[in-house]
Amino acid sequence: MLKKLSLAALVAMGSMSFAGATDLSSAIQGVQLNGYLRIRAYADKNSKKQDYLRWRTNAKLVFGVPVADNTKIVWRVNAQQDAKTTNKKLLNPHKKVGDKGFNRNVTNSLFFLNYKKDAVAANVGIVPLGFLPYASSDSWGTAHGAGADATYTLNDNLTLAAGYVDQMFNSITGANDVYTVGAIYKDKNLGTAQVWYAQVTDVLDYDVMLMTNLNILKDQGIGVNIDIAQSKESKKGSDSHNFFNISFTGKVSGADVKIGYAATNDKKGVINTSDDSKIGTTAGELRHNVANLTDATAVYAKAGYNVTKAANVFVAYDNITADEGDSNEYQVGAKYKVNKKFGISGYVDYLDNDGSAANDTTEARVEFKYSF
């Protein structure tokens, strides 16, 4: 049934009329372009591993080329260069690709046909899946795969979605087929809620989740987020893995504050296909997702204060206990928006893993990002 639903998008795309096809010169004039250029400098100190410095430069370009009425071809290309140094010895930036500590690549490129008209939207090709709450939404390593996804907006409040990809990349589940359906509900008084069902061939029999952003305490200036999920792996003898999260957001003495609590049951399982997914995310940077941990509890908090309209400082804390290991994480950072397109940010993060054999990590990062 799911396969039929997801392939319906392909059928719909195939039945579209391209009588209004755009000539090449007009298409070039109508090209839309967005993306970013980002430079990051890292310094990591590990208690059990080798310390290192790293420069990472990457860019993402997204081209939208109109080819017919309500239809465009979208090409998203990523390029990245990593220069990693160890033992405080700088590597020659002109070393050949593949030399230890240095790599350059063009990866995670997507190419798909996008159609939008009235209540219908569909993508066919190598499509991005970052909109799925259980898939990687990282701007660089976005989950993607060959297939199709489609949405249908029933009214101002409700949108239905379905999709299928033959292998999902940037996923811990490996190269397996993914089927998914979902519903997104929005109401100015209640808030938002989305329900998703997914199936990953030979990996997950099912993965069901509810994510909410409620306005029930809006008059008190408090936002409430509740997430609930359950999944079951395909391997024999697997039990259901459960996840729960509740968090509150609001302003305290002029600061934007978020506090939360998350937990899983004592059965091993997979809720999200990436630590960079939306569901399961806490406040930390180095260990920042708990949805797939076993018998876990997490208490987390983050507070940010706008020193000026352009400058923000923040602190964050995570306490996680789980079968996979306990940890405390502390972070302090700042952001400065030079203008609408250019910003500078940085942080220092300390991850304290419990246990004598644990690897504690201190990371400092500075980022320069130009978006367009």
Protein backbone atom coordinates (compact mmCIF):
# COMPACT_ATOMS: atom_id res chain seq x y z
CA MET A 1 0.00 0.00 0.00
CA LEU A 2 2.78 2.40 0.92
CA LYS A 3 4.61 1.70 -2.33
CA LYS A 4 1.45 2.49 -4.29
CA LEU A 5 1.00 5.76 -2.41
CA SER A 6 4.58 6.86 -2.91
CA LEU A 7 4.64 5.91 -6.58
CA ALA A 8 1.48 7.94 -7.12
CA ALA A 9 3.70 11.01 -7.23
CA LEU A 10 5.58 9.52 -10.18
CA VAL A 11 2.33 8.81 -12.00
CA ALA A 12 1.13 12.35 -11.36
CA MET A 13 4.37 13.82 -12.67
CA GLY A 14 4.20 11.67 -15.77
CA SER A 15 0.70 12.88 -16.57
CA MET A 16 1.56 16.59 -16.44
CA SER A 17 1.28 18.67 -19.59
CA PHE A 18 4.49 20.31 -20.74
CA ALA A 19 2.79 22.30 -23.46
CA GLY A 20 3.99 25.43 -21.73
CA ALA A 21 7.62 24.33 -21.87
CA THR A 22 10.13 27.15 -21.40
CA ASP A 23 12.76 27.89 -24.04
CA LEU A 24 16.41 27.75 -22.95
CA SER A 25 17.11 31.50 -22.97
CA SER A 26 14.02 32.25 -20.87
CA ALA A 27 14.89 29.43 -18.50
CA ILE A 28 18.39 30.79 -17.93
CA GLN A 29 17.00 34.24 -17.16
CA GLY A 30 14.61 32.71 -14.64
CA VAL A 31 17.19 30.64 -12.76
CA GLN A 32 16.91 30.92 -8.98
CA LEU A 33 20.05 30.52 -6.88
CA ASN A 34 20.57 30.18 -3.16
CA GLY A 35 23.10 28.58 -0.85
CA TYR A 36 26.09 29.46 1.27
CA LEU A 37 29.87 29.52 1.59
CA ARG A 38 31.07 28.41 5.00
CA ILE A 39 34.52 28.30 6.62
CA ARG A 40 35.07 26.55 9.94
CA ALA A 41 38.14 26.23 12.14
CA TYR A 42 38.17 23.50 14.80
CA ALA A 43 40.52 22.71 17.68
CA ASP A 44 39.79 19.42 19.45
CA LYS A 45 41.48 17.99 22.53
CA ASN A 46 40.71 14.38 23.46
CA SER A 47 41.70 12.59 26.65
CA LYS A 48 42.14 9.22 24.91
CA LYS A 49 42.72 10.15 21.29
CA GLN A 50 45.07 12.34 19.30
CA ASP A 51 44.41 16.10 19.46
CA TYR A 52 43.87 17.85 16.16
CA LEU A 53 43.25 21.13 14.37
CA ARG A 54 41.06 21.32 11.28
CA TRP A 55 40.08 23.83 8.63
CA ARG A 56 36.90 22.95 6.77
CA THR A 57 35.62 24.96 3.80
CA ASN A 58 32.39 23.99 2.12
CA ALA A 59 29.78 25.48 -0.15
CA LYS A 60 26.26 24.57 -1.12
CA LEU A 61 24.63 25.90 -4.30
CA VAL A 62 20.98 25.27 -5.15
CA PHE A 63 19.89 26.11 -8.71
CA GLY A 64 16.22 26.20 -9.68
CA VAL A 65 15.66 26.18 -13.46
CA PRO A 66 12.08 26.69 -14.74
CA VAL A 67 11.29 24.20 -17.52
CA ALA A 68 7.49 24.42 -17.76
CA ASP A 69 4.49 25.99 -16.06
CA ASN A 70 4.74 25.28 -12.31
CA THR A 71 7.74 23.02 -12.93
CA LYS A 72 11.46 23.45 -12.43
CA ILE A 73 14.57 21.32 -12.32
CA VAL A 74 16.49 21.72 -9.06
CA TRP A 75 20.20 20.96 -8.84
CA ARG A 76 21.88 21.09 -5.45
CA VAL A 77 25.64 20.71 -5.48
CA ASN A 78 27.95 20.57 -2.46
CA ALA A 79 31.72 20.93 -2.41
CA GLN A 80 34.02 20.55 0.56
CA GLN A 81 37.70 20.64 1.46
CA ASP A 82 39.01 19.37 4.77
CA ALA A 83 42.53 20.06 6.02
CA LYS A 84 43.22 18.24 9.29
CA THR A 85 46.39 18.62 11.32
CA THR A 86 47.61 16.45 14.17
CA ASN A 87 50.24 16.86 16.86
CA LYS A 88 50.14 20.61 16.08
CA LYS A 89 51.99 20.03 12.79
CA LEU A 90 50.41 21.87 9.90
CA LEU A 91 49.86 19.87 6.74
CA ASN A 92 50.73 21.28 3.33
CA PRO A 93 47.42 22.57 1.91
CA HIS A 94 48.60 21.61 -1.59
CA LYS A 95 49.00 17.92 -0.84
CA LYS A 96 47.32 15.56 -3.25
CA VAL A 97 43.76 14.44 -2.62
CA GLY A 98 43.82 11.33 -0.48
CA ASP A 99 46.92 12.25 1.54
CA LYS A 100 46.49 11.65 5.25
CA GLY A 101 44.61 14.45 6.96
CA PHE A 102 43.41 16.11 3.77
CA ASN A 103 40.43 15.54 1.50
CA ARG A 104 38.48 17.38 -1.13
CA ASN A 105 35.18 16.26 -2.62
CA VAL A 106 31.99 17.16 -4.38
CA THR A 107 29.29 15.12 -2.69
CA ASN A 108 25.69 14.97 -1.56
CA SER A 109 24.61 16.46 -4.91
CA LEU A 110 20.90 16.25 -5.67
CA PHE A 111 19.05 16.56 -8.98
CA PHE A 112 15.28 16.45 -9.15
CA LEU A 113 12.14 17.72 -10.86
CA ASN A 114 9.95 19.94 -8.69
CA TYR A 115 6.27 20.59 -9.39
CA LYS A 116 4.00 22.99 -7.50
CA LYS A 117 0.44 23.95 -8.39
CA ASP A 118 -2.36 24.91 -6.06
CA ALA A 119 -2.56 22.25 -3.32
CA VAL A 120 -0.09 19.79 -4.87
CA ALA A 121 3.71 19.72 -4.58
CA ALA A 122 5.96 16.88 -5.76
CA ASN A 123 9.65 16.08 -6.25
CA VAL A 124 11.00 13.27 -8.44
CA GLY A 125 14.67 12.32 -8.85
CA ILE A 126 17.47 12.39 -6.27
CA VAL A 127 15.35 14.12 -3.65
CA PRO A 128 16.22 15.75 -0.28
CA LEU A 129 14.59 14.19 2.79
CA GLY A 130 15.64 16.66 5.46
CA PHE A 131 12.00 17.62 6.06
CA LEU A 132 11.39 14.20 7.62
CA PRO A 133 11.81 14.48 11.42
CA TYR A 134 13.66 11.14 11.63
CA ALA A 135 16.13 11.86 8.79
CA SER A 136 19.26 14.02 8.70
CA SER A 137 18.35 17.70 8.30
CA ASP A 138 21.99 18.83 8.39
CA SER A 139 22.53 21.51 5.74
CA TRP A 140 25.59 19.64 4.46
CA GLY A 141 24.78 15.96 5.01
CA THR A 142 21.07 16.10 4.23
CA ALA A 143 19.37 12.71 3.93
CA HIS A 144 18.48 11.95 0.31
CA GLY A 145 17.76 9.17 -2.15
CA ALA A 146 16.42 8.27 -5.57
CA GLY A 147 12.64 8.38 -5.55
CA ALA A 148 9.71 10.73 -5.09
CA ASP A 149 7.83 12.65 -2.44
CA ALA A 150 4.59 14.59 -2.61
CA THR A 151 2.34 16.73 -0.41
CA TYR A 152 -1.32 17.64 -0.74
CA THR A 153 -2.75 20.57 1.24
CA LEU A 154 -6.36 19.78 2.10
CA ASN A 155 -7.04 23.14 3.74
CA ASP A 156 -5.36 25.89 5.76
CA ASN A 157 -4.83 23.47 8.64
CA LEU A 158 -3.99 20.03 7.22
CA THR A 159 -1.34 18.77 4.78
CA LEU A 160 -0.80 15.12 3.81
CA ALA A 161 2.55 13.73 2.65
CA ALA A 162 3.96 10.52 1.17
CA GLY A 163 7.31 9.42 -0.19
CA TYR A 164 9.53 6.57 -1.32
CA VAL A 165 13.26 6.35 -2.00
CA ASP A 166 15.35 3.46 -3.24
CA GLN A 167 18.19 3.72 -0.67
CA MET A 168 18.53 6.63 1.73
CA PHE A 169 21.99 8.17 2.04
CA ASN A 170 23.45 9.92 5.10
CA SER A 171 21.62 7.33 7.17
CA ILE A 172 22.74 4.84 9.81
CA THR A 173 20.26 2.31 8.40
CA GLY A 174 22.37 1.78 5.28
CA ALA A 175 21.28 1.51 1.66
CA ASN A 176 17.70 0.34 2.13
CA ASP A 177 14.34 1.31 0.67
CA VAL A 178 12.33 3.82 2.72
CA TYR A 179 8.55 4.23 2.60
CA THR A 180 6.87 7.04 4.53
CA VAL A 181 3.52 8.80 5.00
CA GLY A 182 2.67 11.73 7.23
CA ALA A 183 0.17 14.41 8.21
CA ILE A 184 0.92 17.97 9.38
CA TYR A 185 -1.70 19.97 11.27
CA LYS A 186 -1.46 23.70 12.05
CA ASP A 187 -3.83 25.82 14.13
CA LYS A 188 -3.16 29.34 15.39
CA ASN A 189 -4.75 28.56 18.75
CA LEU A 190 -3.60 24.98 19.31
CA GLY A 191 -0.19 25.08 17.62
CA THR A 192 1.29 22.46 15.29
CA ALA A 193 1.35 18.68 15.28
CA GLN A 194 2.81 16.19 12.82
CA VAL A 195 2.43 12.43 12.64
CA TRP A 196 4.79 10.23 10.60
CA TYR A 197 5.01 6.54 9.75
CA ALA A 198 8.10 5.04 8.14
CA GLN A 199 9.29 1.62 7.10
CA VAL A 200 12.89 0.75 6.16
CA THR A 201 13.27 -2.54 4.29
CA ASP A 202 15.11 -5.21 6.33
CA VAL A 203 15.88 -2.64 9.06
CA LEU A 204 12.67 -1.24 10.58
CA ASP A 205 9.29 -2.94 10.51
CA TYR A 206 7.82 0.39 11.56
CA ASP A 207 8.77 3.79 12.97
CA VAL A 208 5.87 5.94 14.22
CA MET A 209 6.19 9.40 15.73
CA LEU A 210 4.15 12.36 16.93
CA MET A 211 5.82 15.77 17.27
CA THR A 212 3.98 18.79 18.66
CA ASN A 213 4.59 22.48 19.28
CA LEU A 214 1.67 23.57 21.44
CA ASN A 215 0.28 27.01 22.26
CA ILE A 216 -1.55 25.89 25.41
CA LEU A 217 0.60 28.22 27.59
CA LYS A 218 1.00 30.94 24.98
CA ASP A 219 -0.68 33.58 27.16
CA GLN A 220 2.00 32.94 29.79
CA GLY A 221 4.75 33.30 27.16
CA ILE A 222 5.65 29.60 27.33
CA GLY A 223 5.95 27.19 24.41
CA VAL A 224 5.41 23.46 24.97
CA ASN A 225 6.94 20.74 22.79
CA ILE A 226 6.01 17.07 23.21
CA ASP A 227 7.45 14.26 21.08
CA ILE A 228 6.49 10.58 21.26
CA ALA A 229 7.85 7.78 19.08
CA GLN A 230 7.98 4.00 18.83
CA SER A 231 9.83 1.71 16.44
CA LYS A 232 10.60 -1.98 15.98
CA GLU A 233 13.62 -3.39 14.21
CA SER A 234 13.18 -6.10 11.59
CA LYS A 235 15.67 -8.54 13.05
CA LYS A 236 14.23 -11.56 14.83
CA GLY A 237 13.49 -11.17 18.51
CA SER A 238 13.40 -7.37 18.48
CA ASP A 239 11.17 -5.51 20.91
CA SER A 240 9.57 -2.10 20.54
CA HIS A 241 11.85 0.86 21.29
CA ASN A 242 10.07 3.89 22.80
CA PHE A 243 11.07 7.55 23.01
CA PHE A 244 9.52 10.50 24.85
CA ASN A 245 10.52 14.17 25.05
CA ILE A 246 9.00 17.27 26.61
CA SER A 247 10.50 20.75 26.56
CA PHE A 248 9.48 24.28 27.46
CA THR A 249 10.61 27.55 25.88
CA GLY A 250 10.17 31.11 27.07
CA LYS A 251 11.82 34.35 28.14
CA VAL A 252 13.43 34.73 31.56
CA SER A 253 14.98 38.12 32.46
CA GLY A 254 15.32 38.97 28.78
CA ALA A 255 16.96 35.64 27.86
CA ASP A 256 15.47 32.99 25.56
CA VAL A 257 15.43 29.80 27.61
CA LYS A 258 14.71 26.16 26.74
CA ILE A 259 14.62 23.31 29.24
CA GLY A 260 13.73 19.71 28.50
CA TYR A 261 13.55 16.09 29.55
CA ALA A 262 13.81 13.04 27.30
CA ALA A 263 13.76 9.29 27.92
CA THR A 264 13.81 5.92 26.16
CA ASN A 265 12.89 2.42 27.36
CA ASP A 266 15.28 -0.46 28.00
CA LYS A 267 14.84 -2.08 24.57
CA LYS A 268 17.41 -1.43 21.86
CA GLY A 269 16.12 0.23 18.72
CA VAL A 270 16.25 2.97 16.10
CA ILE A 271 13.93 6.00 16.08
CA ASN A 272 15.97 8.32 13.88
CA THR A 273 18.25 7.47 10.97
CA SER A 274 20.80 10.17 11.91
CA ASP A 275 21.98 12.08 14.97
CA ASP A 276 21.29 15.19 12.87
CA SER A 277 17.55 14.49 12.74
CA LYS A 278 15.05 16.81 14.42
CA ILE A 279 13.55 14.23 16.77
CA GLY A 280 15.69 13.35 19.77
CA THR A 281 17.85 16.47 19.68
CA THR A 282 18.95 17.93 23.01
CA ALA A 283 21.04 21.06 23.70
CA GLY A 284 24.61 19.82 23.24
CA GLU A 285 26.91 19.79 20.23
CA LEU A 286 29.13 16.71 20.60
CA ARG A 287 26.50 14.31 21.96
CA HIS A 288 23.24 15.87 20.93
CA ASN A 289 20.67 13.16 20.18
CA VAL A 290 19.25 10.53 22.53
CA ALA A 291 16.39 8.93 20.57
CA ASN A 292 18.37 5.78 19.70
CA LEU A 293 20.00 5.30 23.11
CA THR A 294 18.87 2.46 25.39
CA ASP A 295 17.29 2.98 28.82
CA ALA A 296 18.26 6.64 28.59
CA THR A 297 17.25 9.82 30.37
CA ALA A 298 18.37 13.30 29.39
CA VAL A 299 17.96 16.62 31.16
CA TYR A 300 19.00 19.60 29.03
CA ALA A 301 18.85 23.37 28.97
CA LYS A 302 19.92 26.25 26.75
CA ALA A 303 19.78 30.00 27.28
CA GLY A 304 20.58 32.80 24.85
CA TYR A 305 20.74 36.55 25.39
CA ASN A 306 20.74 39.29 22.74
CA VAL A 307 23.44 41.72 23.80
CA THR A 308 22.53 43.86 20.77
CA LYS A 309 20.29 43.30 17.75
CA ALA A 310 23.26 41.73 15.99
CA ALA A 311 25.06 39.95 18.85
CA ASN A 312 23.92 36.95 20.89
CA VAL A 313 25.62 34.92 23.62
CA PHE A 314 24.45 31.51 24.80
CA VAL A 315 25.13 28.66 27.20
CA ALA A 316 23.92 25.04 27.07
CA TYR A 317 24.00 21.96 29.30
CA ASP A 318 23.19 18.26 28.80
CA ASN A 319 23.08 15.45 31.35
CA ILE A 320 22.59 12.03 29.72
CA THR A 321 22.46 8.60 31.34
CA ALA A 322 22.16 5.52 29.12
CA ASP A 323 23.33 1.94 28.70
CA GLU A 324 25.76 3.27 26.10
CA GLY A 325 27.38 5.55 28.71
CA ASP A 326 26.69 8.58 30.91
CA SER A 327 27.86 12.10 30.16
CA ASN A 328 27.69 15.77 31.06
CA GLU A 329 28.19 18.40 28.39
CA TYR A 330 28.81 22.13 28.82
CA GLN A 331 28.82 24.73 26.06
CA VAL A 332 29.30 28.50 25.83
CA GLY A 333 29.19 30.45 22.59
CA ALA A 334 28.37 33.63 20.72
CA LYS A 335 26.94 34.74 17.37
CA TYR A 336 27.33 38.02 15.52
CA LYS A 337 25.33 38.98 12.45
CA VAL A 338 27.40 41.40 10.39
CA ASN A 339 24.54 41.90 7.92
CA LYS A 340 21.61 39.94 6.48
CA LYS A 341 23.92 37.58 4.58
CA PHE A 342 27.12 37.32 6.60
CA GLY A 343 27.55 36.03 10.14
CA ILE A 344 30.28 34.91 12.55
CA SER A 345 29.78 32.40 15.35
CA GLY A 346 31.83 30.31 17.74
CA TYR A 347 31.68 28.10 20.79
CA VAL A 348 33.70 26.10 23.28
CA ASP A 349 32.20 22.72 24.21
CA TYR A 350 33.33 20.24 26.87
CA LEU A 351 31.96 16.68 26.88
CA ASP A 352 32.68 14.78 30.10
CA ASN A 353 32.04 11.07 29.58
CA ASP A 354 31.83 9.10 32.81
CA GLY A 355 34.13 6.15 33.45
CA SER A 356 37.91 5.74 33.61
CA ALA A 357 38.04 4.44 30.02
CA ALA A 358 35.85 7.23 28.66
CA ASN A 359 37.07 9.73 26.10
CA ASP A 360 36.48 13.31 27.26
CA THR A 361 36.52 15.96 24.54
CA THR A 362 36.99 19.70 24.44
CA GLU A 363 36.13 21.38 21.13
CA ALA A 364 36.47 25.01 20.08
CA ARG A 365 34.98 26.12 16.77
CA VAL A 366 34.78 29.39 14.85
CA GLU A 367 32.53 29.73 11.80
CA PHE A 368 32.29 32.34 9.04
CA LYS A 369 29.19 31.93 6.88
CA TYR A 370 27.93 33.90 3.88
CA SER A 371 24.41 32.97 2.76
CA PHE A 372 22.60 34.08 -0.37
